[in-house]
C-alpha atoms as a PDB file:
ATOM      1  CA  MET A   1      -6.144  38.648  77.132  1.00  0.00           C
ATOM      2  CA  PRO A   2      -4.841  36.900  73.995  1.00  0.00           C
ATOM      3  CA  LEU A   3      -2.709  33.858  74.265  1.00  0.00           C
ATOM      4  CA  PRO A   4       1.002  34.232  73.607  1.00  0.00           C
ATOM      5  CA  GLU A   5       2.057  33.541  70.105  1.00  0.00           C
ATOM      6  CA  TYR A   6       4.873  31.126  70.828  1.00  0.00           C
ATOM      7  CA  PRO A   7       5.284  28.245  70.395  1.00  0.00           C
ATOM      8  CA  VAL A   8       2.913  28.195  67.471  1.00  0.00           C
ATOM      9  CA  THR A   9       2.697  24.367  67.696  1.00  0.00           C
ATOM     10  CA  VAL A  10       1.019  24.525  71.015  1.00  0.00           C
ATOM     11  CA  TYR A  11      -1.486  27.313  70.218  1.00  0.00           C
ATOM     12  CA  ARG A  12      -2.153  27.205  66.384  1.00  0.00           C
ATOM     13  CA  SER A  13      -5.310  25.020  66.551  1.00  0.00           C
ATOM     14  CA  LEU A  14      -6.843  26.385  69.766  1.00  0.00           C
ATOM     15  CA  PRO A  15     -10.232  28.118  69.148  1.00  0.00           C
ATOM     16  CA  LYS A  16     -10.345  31.917  69.450  1.00  0.00           C
ATOM     17  CA  GLY A  17     -11.276  32.980  72.966  1.00  0.00           C
ATOM     18  CA  TYR A  18      -9.588  29.991  74.548  1.00  0.00           C
ATOM     19  CA  ALA A  19      -8.673  31.632  77.866  1.00  0.00           C
ATOM     20  CA  ILE A  20      -6.202  29.141  79.458  1.00  0.00           C
ATOM     21  CA  ASP A  21      -2.456  29.256  78.589  1.00  0.00           C
ATOM     22  CA  PRO A  22      -1.367  25.678  79.234  1.00  0.00           C
ATOM     23  CA  LEU A  23       2.316  26.596  79.656  1.00  0.00           C
ATOM     24  CA  PRO A  24       3.963  28.382  82.511  1.00  0.00           C
ATOM     25  CA  PRO A  25       3.975  32.232  82.134  1.00  0.00           C
ATOM     26  CA  VAL A  26       6.614  33.780  79.961  1.00  0.00           C
ATOM     27  CA  HIS A  27       9.806  34.845  81.850  1.00  0.00           C
ATOM     28  CA  HIS A  28      10.863  38.436  81.008  1.00  0.00           C
ATOM     29  CA  GLY A  29      13.761  38.821  83.487  1.00  0.00           C
ATOM     30  CA  ARG A  30      17.490  37.856  83.437  1.00  0.00           C
ATOM     31  CA  VAL A  31      18.655  34.493  82.117  1.00  0.00           C
ATOM     32  CA  PHE A  32      21.906  32.805  82.846  1.00  0.00           C
ATOM     33  CA  HIS A  33      23.418  29.740  81.192  1.00  0.00           C
ATOM     34  CA  TYR A  34      26.224  27.858  82.938  1.00  0.00           C
ATOM     35  CA  THR A  35      28.856  26.101  80.709  1.00  0.00           C
ATOM     36  CA  ASN A  36      32.484  25.204  80.203  1.00  0.00           C
ATOM     37  CA  ALA A  37      35.304  27.396  78.886  1.00  0.00           C
ATOM     38  CA  ARG A  38      35.215  25.970  75.316  1.00  0.00           C
ATOM     39  CA  THR A  39      31.419  26.726  74.925  1.00  0.00           C
ATOM     40  CA  ALA A  40      31.825  30.063  76.660  1.00  0.00           C
ATOM     41  CA  MET A  41      34.329  31.114  74.111  1.00  0.00           C
ATOM     42  CA  ALA A  42      32.334  29.824  71.126  1.00  0.00           C
ATOM     43  CA  VAL A  43      29.083  31.443  72.319  1.00  0.00           C
ATOM     44  CA  ALA A  44      30.617  34.747  73.338  1.00  0.00           C
ATOM     45  CA  THR A  45      31.883  35.364  69.906  1.00  0.00           C
ATOM     46  CA  SER A  46      28.850  34.189  68.056  1.00  0.00           C
ATOM     47  CA  ARG A  47      25.415  35.713  67.293  1.00  0.00           C
ATOM     48  CA  HIS A  48      23.643  32.353  67.809  1.00  0.00           C
ATOM     49  CA  PHE A  49      23.316  29.597  70.379  1.00  0.00           C
ATOM     50  CA  ARG A  50      22.868  25.886  69.858  1.00  0.00           C
ATOM     51  CA  ALA A  51      19.720  24.323  71.180  1.00  0.00           C
ATOM     52  CA  SER A  52      20.293  20.565  71.452  1.00  0.00           C
ATOM     53  CA  ASP A  53      18.003  17.751  70.585  1.00  0.00           C
ATOM     54  CA  VAL A  54      15.951  16.742  73.772  1.00  0.00           C
ATOM     55  CA  ALA A  55      17.100  13.114  73.293  1.00  0.00           C
ATOM     56  CA  VAL A  56      20.603  14.145  74.287  1.00  0.00           C
ATOM     57  CA  MET A  57      19.859  16.346  77.341  1.00  0.00           C
ATOM     58  CA  ASN A  58      22.366  15.771  80.106  1.00  0.00           C
ATOM     59  CA  ASP A  59      19.652  13.878  82.121  1.00  0.00           C
ATOM     60  CA  PRO A  60      17.102  12.146  79.795  1.00  0.00           C
ATOM     61  CA  SER A  61      15.106  11.021  82.902  1.00  0.00           C
ATOM     62  CA  GLU A  62      13.812  14.595  83.251  1.00  0.00           C
ATOM     63  CA  ARG A  63      11.686  14.020  80.199  1.00  0.00           C
ATOM     64  CA  LEU A  64      10.413  10.758  81.661  1.00  0.00           C
ATOM     65  CA  PHE A  65       9.231  12.467  84.798  1.00  0.00           C
ATOM     66  CA  GLY A  66       7.092  14.784  82.843  1.00  0.00           C
ATOM     67  CA  TRP A  67       5.599  12.041  80.730  1.00  0.00           C
ATOM     68  CA  GLU A  68       4.913   9.779  83.823  1.00  0.00           C
ATOM     69  CA  THR A  69       3.023  12.815  85.316  1.00  0.00           C
ATOM     70  CA  ILE A  70       1.064  13.176  82.066  1.00  0.00           C
ATOM     71  CA  ALA A  71       0.286   9.493  82.033  1.00  0.00           C
ATOM     72  CA  ARG A  72      -0.866   9.587  85.724  1.00  0.00           C
ATOM     73  CA  VAL A  73      -3.095  12.651  85.185  1.00  0.00           C
ATOM     74  CA  TYR A  74      -4.610  11.205  82.058  1.00  0.00           C
ATOM     75  CA  SER A  75      -5.310   7.947  83.632  1.00  0.00           C
ATOM     76  CA  ALA A  76      -7.098   9.548  86.637  1.00  0.00           C
ATOM     77  CA  SER A  77      -9.289  11.737  84.483  1.00  0.00           C
ATOM     78  CA  LYS A  78      -9.620   9.740  81.311  1.00  0.00           C
ATOM     79  CA  ASP A  79     -13.482   9.928  81.320  1.00  0.00           C
ATOM     80  CA  ARG A  80     -13.431  13.712  80.784  1.00  0.00           C
ATOM     81  CA  PHE A  81     -12.276  13.161  77.145  1.00  0.00           C
ATOM     82  CA  ASN A  82     -14.312  11.748  74.305  1.00  0.00           C
ATOM     83  CA  ASP A  83     -13.549   8.612  72.409  1.00  0.00           C
ATOM     84  CA  ARG A  84     -11.566  10.225  69.663  1.00  0.00           C
ATOM     85  CA  ALA A  85      -9.281  12.072  72.060  1.00  0.00           C
ATOM     86  CA  GLN A  86      -8.842   8.953  74.285  1.00  0.00           C
ATOM     87  CA  ASP A  87      -7.861   6.824  71.285  1.00  0.00           C
ATOM     88  CA  VAL A  88      -5.042   9.450  70.363  1.00  0.00           C
ATOM     89  CA  PHE A  89      -3.952   9.919  74.037  1.00  0.00           C
ATOM     90  CA  ASP A  90      -3.796   6.173  74.730  1.00  0.00           C
ATOM     91  CA  GLU A  91      -1.308   5.729  71.784  1.00  0.00           C
ATOM     92  CA  ILE A  92       0.607   8.815  72.582  1.00  0.00           C
ATOM     93  CA  VAL A  93       1.091   7.911  76.180  1.00  0.00           C
ATOM     94  CA  ARG A  94       1.955   4.219  75.441  1.00  0.00           C
ATOM     95  CA  ASP A  95       4.580   5.194  73.004  1.00  0.00           C
ATOM     96  CA  ALA A  96       6.100   7.927  75.128  1.00  0.00           C
ATOM     97  CA  LEU A  97       6.492   5.741  78.212  1.00  0.00           C
ATOM     98  CA  SER A  98       8.138   2.901  76.127  1.00  0.00           C
ATOM     99  CA  TRP A  99      10.351   5.379  74.388  1.00  0.00           C
ATOM    100  CA  ASN A 100       9.001   4.329  70.993  1.00  0.00           C
ATOM    101  CA  PHE A 101       8.975   7.849  69.744  1.00  0.00           C
ATOM    102  CA  MET A 102      10.890  11.073  70.315  1.00  0.00           C
ATOM    103  CA  PRO A 103       9.271  14.215  68.836  1.00  0.00           C
ATOM    104  CA  GLN A 104      12.024  16.190  67.307  1.00  0.00           C
ATOM    105  CA  GLY A 105      12.273  18.917  69.870  1.00  0.00           C
ATOM    106  CA  PHE A 106      15.266  21.055  70.653  1.00  0.00           C
ATOM    107  CA  ALA A 107      15.862  22.748  74.111  1.00  0.00           C
ATOM    108  CA  LEU A 108      17.934  25.561  75.401  1.00  0.00           C
ATOM    109  CA  CYS A 109      18.171  25.517  79.223  1.00  0.00           C
ATOM    110  CA  ALA A 110      19.155  28.176  81.632  1.00  0.00           C
ATOM    111  CA  SER A 111      18.517  29.615  85.110  1.00  0.00           C
ATOM    112  CA  THR A 112      17.007  32.742  86.530  1.00  0.00           C
ATOM    113  CA  VAL A 113      19.658  32.628  89.320  1.00  0.00           C
ATOM    114  CA  GLY A 114      23.110  34.232  88.749  1.00  0.00           C
ATOM    115  CA  ASP A 115      26.472  33.292  90.286  1.00  0.00           C
ATOM    116  CA  ASP A 116      25.178  30.045  91.796  1.00  0.00           C
ATOM    117  CA  LEU A 117      27.733  27.719  93.276  1.00  0.00           C
ATOM    118  CA  ASN A 118      25.675  24.556  92.770  1.00  0.00           C
ATOM    119  CA  GLN A 119      25.264  25.272  88.996  1.00  0.00           C
ATOM    120  CA  TYR A 120      28.975  26.020  88.631  1.00  0.00           C
ATOM    121  CA  ARG A 121      29.603  22.600  90.013  1.00  0.00           C
ATOM    122  CA  LEU A 122      27.157  20.805  87.851  1.00  0.00           C
ATOM    123  CA  TYR A 123      27.387  22.552  84.437  1.00  0.00           C
ATOM    124  CA  GLY A 124      30.607  24.498  84.185  1.00  0.00           C
ATOM    125  CA  ASP A 125      32.730  27.382  85.472  1.00  0.00           C
ATOM    126  CA  TYR A 126      31.330  30.062  83.146  1.00  0.00           C
ATOM    127  CA  GLN A 127      28.106  31.864  83.448  1.00  0.00           C
ATOM    128  CA  LEU A 128      26.731  33.550  80.347  1.00  0.00           C
ATOM    129  CA  GLU A 129      23.905  36.055  80.578  1.00  0.00           C
ATOM    130  CA  LEU A 130      21.529  35.559  77.630  1.00  0.00           C
ATOM    131  CA  PRO A 131      18.811  37.971  76.474  1.00  0.00           C
ATOM    132  CA  SER A 132      15.092  37.294  77.218  1.00  0.00           C
ATOM    133  CA  GLY A 133      12.344  38.116  74.632  1.00  0.00           C
ATOM    134  CA  VAL A 134      11.583  36.168  71.473  1.00  0.00           C
ATOM    135  CA  TRP A 135      14.185  33.765  70.119  1.00  0.00           C
ATOM    136  CA  GLN A 136      14.101  32.083  66.709  1.00  0.00           C
ATOM    137  CA  GLN A 137      15.884  29.390  64.715  1.00  0.00           C
ATOM    138  CA  ASP A 138      16.998  29.616  61.172  1.00  0.00           C
ATOM    139  CA  GLN A 139      13.843  30.605  59.228  1.00  0.00           C
ATOM    140  CA  GLU A 140      15.318  30.552  55.700  1.00  0.00           C
ATOM    141  CA  ARG A 141      14.443  26.851  55.222  1.00  0.00           C
ATOM    142  CA  LEU A 142      10.936  26.966  56.955  1.00  0.00           C
ATOM    143  CA  GLU A 143       7.623  26.637  55.256  1.00  0.00           C
ATOM    144  CA  ASP A 144       5.999  28.163  58.282  1.00  0.00           C
ATOM    145  CA  PRO A 145       8.412  30.515  60.205  1.00  0.00           C
ATOM    146  CA  GLY A 146       6.006  30.637  63.301  1.00  0.00           C
ATOM    147  CA  TYR A 147       7.181  27.191  64.223  1.00  0.00           C
ATOM    148  CA  ALA A 148      10.699  28.547  64.612  1.00  0.00           C
ATOM    149  CA  GLN A 149      10.110  30.943  67.424  1.00  0.00           C
ATOM    150  CA  ALA A 150      10.135  30.465  71.227  1.00  0.00           C
ATOM    151  CA  VAL A 151      10.246  32.401  74.459  1.00  0.00           C
ATOM    152  CA  TRP A 152      11.825  31.545  77.821  1.00  0.00           C
ATOM    153  CA  ARG A 153       9.336  29.789  80.164  1.00  0.00           C
ATOM    154  CA  PRO A 154      10.051  28.387  83.714  1.00  0.00           C
ATOM    155  CA  VAL A 155      10.123  24.832  84.647  1.00  0.00           C
ATOM    156  CA  VAL A 156       7.617  23.814  87.175  1.00  0.00           C
ATOM    157  CA  TYR A 157       8.795  21.568  90.113  1.00  0.00           C
ATOM    158  CA  GLY A 158       7.107  18.843  92.135  1.00  0.00           C
ATOM    159  CA  GLU A 159       4.102  16.587  91.546  1.00  0.00           C
ATOM    160  CA  GLU A 160       1.290  19.075  92.287  1.00  0.00           C
ATOM    161  CA  ALA A 161       2.583  21.772  89.925  1.00  0.00           C
ATOM    162  CA  SER A 162       3.416  19.331  87.278  1.00  0.00           C
ATOM    163  CA  GLU A 163      -0.038  17.628  87.522  1.00  0.00           C
ATOM    164  CA  GLU A 164      -1.640  21.057  87.039  1.00  0.00           C
ATOM    165  CA  LEU A 165       0.401  21.599  83.907  1.00  0.00           C
ATOM    166  CA  ALA A 166      -0.298  18.203  82.610  1.00  0.00           C
ATOM    167  CA  SER A 167      -3.959  18.727  83.121  1.00  0.00           C
ATOM    168  CA  ARG A 168      -4.038  22.128  81.331  1.00  0.00           C
ATOM    169  CA  MET A 169      -2.014  20.638  78.167  1.00  0.00           C
ATOM    170  CA  LEU A 170      -4.174  17.573  78.003  1.00  0.00           C
ATOM    171  CA  GLU A 171      -7.309  19.766  77.901  1.00  0.00           C
ATOM    172  CA  ALA A 172      -5.694  22.018  75.113  1.00  0.00           C
ATOM    173  CA  ALA A 173      -4.452  18.993  73.168  1.00  0.00           C
ATOM    174  CA  ALA A 174      -7.940  17.415  73.289  1.00  0.00           C
ATOM    175  CA  ILE A 175      -9.354  20.469  71.692  1.00  0.00           C
ATOM    176  CA  VAL A 176      -6.671  20.329  68.873  1.00  0.00           C
ATOM    177  CA  ILE A 177      -7.625  16.703  68.381  1.00  0.00           C
ATOM    178  CA  ASN A 178     -11.444  17.378  68.168  1.00  0.00           C
ATOM    179  CA  GLU A 179     -11.374  20.768  66.424  1.00  0.00           C
ATOM    180  CA  PRO A 180      -8.839  20.761  63.714  1.00  0.00           C
ATOM    181  CA  GLU A 181      -8.375  23.984  61.563  1.00  0.00           C
ATOM    182  CA  ASP A 182     -10.455  24.022  58.336  1.00  0.00           C
ATOM    183  CA  GLY A 183      -8.332  22.797  55.421  1.00  0.00           C
ATOM    184  CA  ASP A 184      -5.449  21.701  57.761  1.00  0.00           C
ATOM    185  CA  ALA A 185      -4.007  18.409  56.459  1.00  0.00           C
ATOM    186  CA  THR A 186      -1.698  18.058  59.397  1.00  0.00           C
ATOM    187  CA  ASP A 187      -2.165  14.915  61.547  1.00  0.00           C
ATOM    188  CA  GLU A 188      -3.640  16.424  64.826  1.00  0.00           C
ATOM    189  CA  GLY A 189      -2.108  13.516  66.806  1.00  0.00           C
ATOM    190  CA  VAL A 190       1.265  14.805  65.811  1.00  0.00           C
ATOM    191  CA  ILE A 191       0.507  18.253  67.029  1.00  0.00           C
ATOM    192  CA  ALA A 192      -0.962  16.792  70.219  1.00  0.00           C
ATOM    193  CA  THR A 193       2.227  14.784  70.811  1.00  0.00           C
ATOM    194  CA  PHE A 194       4.450  17.758  70.554  1.00  0.00           C
ATOM    195  CA  MET A 195       2.142  19.832  72.744  1.00  0.00           C
ATOM    196  CA  LEU A 196       2.481  17.169  75.469  1.00  0.00           C
ATOM    197  CA  GLU A 197       6.170  16.958  74.895  1.00  0.00           C
ATOM    198  CA  VAL A 198       6.595  20.662  75.406  1.00  0.00           C
ATOM    199  CA  ALA A 199       4.681  20.244  78.691  1.00  0.00           C
ATOM    200  CA  ALA A 200       6.827  17.309  79.736  1.00  0.00           C
ATOM    201  CA  LEU A 201       9.966  19.310  79.124  1.00  0.00           C
ATOM    202  CA  HIS A 202       8.705  22.009  81.552  1.00  0.00           C
ATOM    203  CA  MET A 203       8.307  19.583  84.508  1.00  0.00           C
ATOM    204  CA  LYS A 204      10.926  18.394  86.961  1.00  0.00           C
ATOM    205  CA  HIS A 205      11.169  16.635  90.278  1.00  0.00           C
ATOM    206  CA  GLY A 206      10.923  18.931  93.318  1.00  0.00           C
ATOM    207  CA  ALA A 207      14.548  18.174  94.314  1.00  0.00           C
ATOM    208  CA  TYR A 208      15.802  20.357  91.511  1.00  0.00           C
ATOM    209  CA  ALA A 209      13.720  23.437  92.429  1.00  0.00           C
ATOM    210  CA  THR A 210      16.830  25.409  93.579  1.00  0.00           C
ATOM    211  CA  GLU A 211      18.023  25.555  89.954  1.00  0.00           C
ATOM    212  CA  HIS A 212      15.087  27.909  89.008  1.00  0.00           C
ATOM    213  CA  GLU A 213      15.394  26.608  85.398  1.00  0.00           C
ATOM    214  CA  VAL A 214      13.866  28.249  82.253  1.00  0.00           C
ATOM    215  CA  ARG A 215      13.778  26.725  78.770  1.00  0.00           C
ATOM    216  CA  LEU A 216      13.355  27.638  75.194  1.00  0.00           C
ATOM    217  CA  ILE A 217      11.773  24.747  73.266  1.00  0.00           C
ATOM    218  CA  PHE A 218      11.896  24.613  69.453  1.00  0.00           C
ATOM    219  CA  GLN A 219      10.422  22.179  67.025  1.00  0.00           C
ATOM    220  CA  ALA A 220      12.197  20.973  63.827  1.00  0.00           C
ATOM    221  CA  GLY A 221      10.723  18.034  61.933  1.00  0.00           C
ATOM    222  CA  PRO A 222       8.137  16.898  59.390  1.00  0.00           C
ATOM    223  CA  LEU A 223       5.484  19.613  60.197  1.00  0.00           C
ATOM    224  CA  GLU A 224       7.483  22.396  58.829  1.00  0.00           C
ATOM    225  CA  GLY A 225      10.522  20.956  56.989  1.00  0.00           C
ATOM    226  CA  ALA A 226      13.416  22.461  59.071  1.00  0.00           C
ATOM    227  CA  LYS A 227      16.668  20.590  58.870  1.00  0.00           C
ATOM    228  CA  PRO A 228      18.733  20.362  62.053  1.00  0.00           C
ATOM    229  CA  LYS A 229      22.540  20.389  61.979  1.00  0.00           C
ATOM    230  CA  VAL A 230      24.967  17.863  63.438  1.00  0.00           C
ATOM    231  CA  ARG A 231      27.940  18.295  65.701  1.00  0.00           C
ATOM    232  CA  GLU A 232      30.283  16.131  67.794  1.00  0.00           C
ATOM    233  CA  ARG A 233      29.925  16.478  71.555  1.00  0.00           C
ATOM    234  CA  GLU A 234      31.960  14.312  74.038  1.00  0.00           C
ATOM    235  CA  GLY A 235      32.535  11.577  71.466  1.00  0.00           C
ATOM    236  CA  GLN A 236      29.014  11.437  70.264  1.00  0.00           C
ATOM    237  CA  LEU A 237      27.210  12.899  67.265  1.00  0.00           C
ATOM    238  CA  VAL A 238      24.253  14.974  68.240  1.00  0.00           C
ATOM    239  CA  THR A 239      21.633  17.103  66.308  1.00  0.00           C
ATOM    240  CA  TYR A 240      20.950  20.808  67.176  1.00  0.00           C
ATOM    241  CA  VAL A 241      19.353  23.928  65.744  1.00  0.00           C
ATOM    242  CA  GLU A 242      20.916  27.375  65.742  1.00  0.00           C
ATOM    243  CA  ALA A 243      18.840  30.008  67.707  1.00  0.00           C
ATOM    244  CA  TRP A 244      19.328  33.702  68.227  1.00  0.00           C
ATOM    245  CA  ASN A 245      17.431  36.470  69.918  1.00  0.00           C
ATOM    246  CA  GLN A 246      15.539  38.756  67.557  1.00  0.00           C
ATOM    247  CA  GLU A 247      16.633  41.930  69.304  1.00  0.00           C
ATOM    248  CA  VAL A 248      20.335  41.297  69.081  1.00  0.00           C
ATOM    249  CA  GLU A 249      20.818  39.891  65.547  1.00  0.00           C
ATOM    250  CA  SER A 250      23.785  42.214  64.871  1.00  0.00           C
ATOM    251  CA  GLN A 251      25.415  41.811  68.244  1.00  0.00           C
ATOM    252  CA  PRO A 252      27.020  39.035  70.354  1.00  0.00           C
ATOM    253  CA  ILE A 253      24.357  36.741  71.770  1.00  0.00           C
ATOM    254  CA  VAL A 254      25.752  37.217  75.324  1.00  0.00           C
ATOM    255  CA  ARG A 255      25.065  40.145  77.549  1.00  0.00           C
ATOM    256  CA  GLY A 256      27.626  39.441  80.217  1.00  0.00           C
ATOM    257  CA  VAL A 257      30.122  36.798  81.387  1.00  0.00           C
ATOM    258  CA  MET A 258      30.673  35.749  84.982  1.00  0.00           C
ATOM    259  CA  LEU A 259      33.759  33.554  85.799  1.00  0.00           C
ATOM    260  CA  GLY A 260      32.998  31.011  88.489  1.00  0.00           C
ATOM    261  CA  PRO A 261      35.327  30.408  91.550  1.00  0.00           C
ATOM    262  CA  LEU A 262      37.390  27.789  89.713  1.00  0.00           C
ATOM    263  CA  ALA A 263      37.459  29.513  86.262  1.00  0.00           C
ATOM    264  CA  GLY A 264      41.002  31.104  86.806  1.00  0.00           C
ATOM    265  CA  GLY A 265      40.195  34.498  88.328  1.00  0.00           C
ATOM    266  CA  GLU A 266      41.567  37.746  87.000  1.00  0.00           C
ATOM    267  CA  ALA A 267      43.861  36.048  84.487  1.00  0.00           C
ATOM    268  CA  ALA A 268      40.923  34.232  83.023  1.00  0.00           C
ATOM    269  CA  ARG A 269      38.911  37.474  82.999  1.00  0.00           C
ATOM    270  CA  ALA A 270      41.600  39.286  81.113  1.00  0.00           C
ATOM    271  CA  ALA A 271      41.774  36.467  78.597  1.00  0.00           C
ATOM    272  CA  MET A 272      38.029  36.477  78.008  1.00  0.00           C
ATOM    273  CA  ARG A 273      38.048  40.280  77.575  1.00  0.00           C
ATOM    274  CA  LEU A 274      40.796  40.005  74.950  1.00  0.00           C
ATOM    275  CA  HIS A 275      38.944  37.209  73.191  1.00  0.00           C
ATOM    276  CA  LEU A 276      35.734  39.378  73.007  1.00  0.00           C
ATOM    277  CA  LYS A 277      37.742  42.523  71.987  1.00  0.00           C
ATOM    278  CA  ASN A 278      39.459  40.597  69.123  1.00  0.00           C
ATOM    279  CA  SER A 279      36.049  39.385  67.984  1.00  0.00           C
ATOM    280  CA  PHE A 280      33.892  42.558  68.431  1.00  0.00           C
ATOM    281  CA  PRO A 281      36.344  45.449  68.613  1.00  0.00           C
ATOM    282  CA  GLU A 282      33.558  47.955  67.701  1.00  0.00           C
ATOM    283  CA  LEU A 283      31.704  47.029  70.862  1.00  0.00           C
ATOM    284  CA  LEU A 284      34.601  46.541  73.323  1.00  0.00           C
ATOM    285  CA  TRP A 285      37.335  49.076  72.583  1.00  0.00           C
ATOM    286  CA  ARG A 286      37.311  52.208  74.660  1.00  0.00           C
ATOM    287  CA  ARG A 287      39.935  54.830  74.552  1.00  0.00           C
ATOM    288  CA  SER A 288      39.492  56.039  78.039  1.00  0.00           C
ATOM    289  CA  GLU A 289      37.436  55.401  81.207  1.00  0.00           C
ATOM    290  CA  ASP A 290      35.332  58.294  80.134  1.00  0.00           C
ATOM    291  CA  ASP A 291      33.927  56.337  77.207  1.00  0.00           C
ATOM    292  CA  GLY A 292      31.577  54.405  79.606  1.00  0.00           C
ATOM    293  CA  PRO A 293      31.317  50.773  80.650  1.00  0.00           C
ATOM    294  CA  ASP A 294      31.948  47.852  78.185  1.00  0.00           C
ATOM    295  CA  PRO A 295      28.771  46.691  76.448  1.00  0.00           C
ATOM    296  CA  ILE A 296      29.711  43.149  77.489  1.00  0.00           C
ATOM    297  CA  GLU A 297      30.738  42.875  81.180  1.00  0.00           C
ATOM    298  CA  VAL A 298      33.206  40.169  82.160  1.00  0.00           C
ATOM    299  CA  GLU A 299      33.200  39.686  85.842  1.00  0.00           C
ATOM    300  CA  VAL A 300      34.723  37.322  88.450  1.00  0.00           C
ATOM    301  CA  SER A 301      32.493  35.564  91.001  1.00  0.00           C
ATOM    302  CA  LYS A 302      32.713  36.765  94.584  1.00  0.00           C
ATOM    303  CA  ILE A 303      32.333  33.163  95.818  1.00  0.00           C
ATOM    304  CA  PRO A 304      35.524  32.037  97.556  1.00  0.00           C
ATOM    305  CA  PHE A 305      37.837  29.684  95.722  1.00  0.00           C
ATOM    306  CA  ARG A 306      37.745  26.032  96.736  1.00  0.00           C
ATOM    307  CA  GLY A 307      40.046  23.642  94.981  1.00  0.00           C
END
């Protein structure tokens, strides 16, 4: 069975016939993103989503958990790698743990659990259902469009699962370091670094397992020449890339909206429906109940209100 094509940065230099997919399996089911009213309005009327720089995730320590796991697994099994791979890994792990570098990765986070009270409390009162399948960032400025594509993959939780993921990715990265593609002038250490960064971003402490998180991870940086955009968020400037789903380029990026228990109930539902109707009248206007359901469902949570 061939390896998945995305992200290209992880798989591009692996030899043909390499049978181990180092990342968690692709998620093909429903995907839910929890957010606030302002973001919900912006996303609901847009054909793209913003994937934020991993340096400004709402809990940067998540990344450190992954890198500490990688460092621990590498230290315990260092002898299985040759001298060339050890030299590269030593430098990568040292810099990662001291925050001396930050591969220019961009993440979009969601959950496979819908209408979840804990996630309303943590992330916002609006739940947006996003499409699965292949997502891409703006390819017009890319030298290699393959770098710009990603699929939803689940986060793994706890030390045991994270160590297994770290071991697989170290093995894959070692192959990239030792067997570069013919004529490829790219620094294999840079590719290996981003491969391990992608792995680290799919690991979390077991205490967060109830979130059932999935992530899209994009790369934008010197390897392929993409240029991120800049926006203001909560008083700070952050970089991001615009991403959209290949199957819904001509439609809104959301497939459904759920208003949480503190989002305003039926009045807020009516407001969101009006907002969507004004933005996409061709999708939402129906002359009678016989015309069928709205393409974008706007629902109110059944969770009891608690002020």
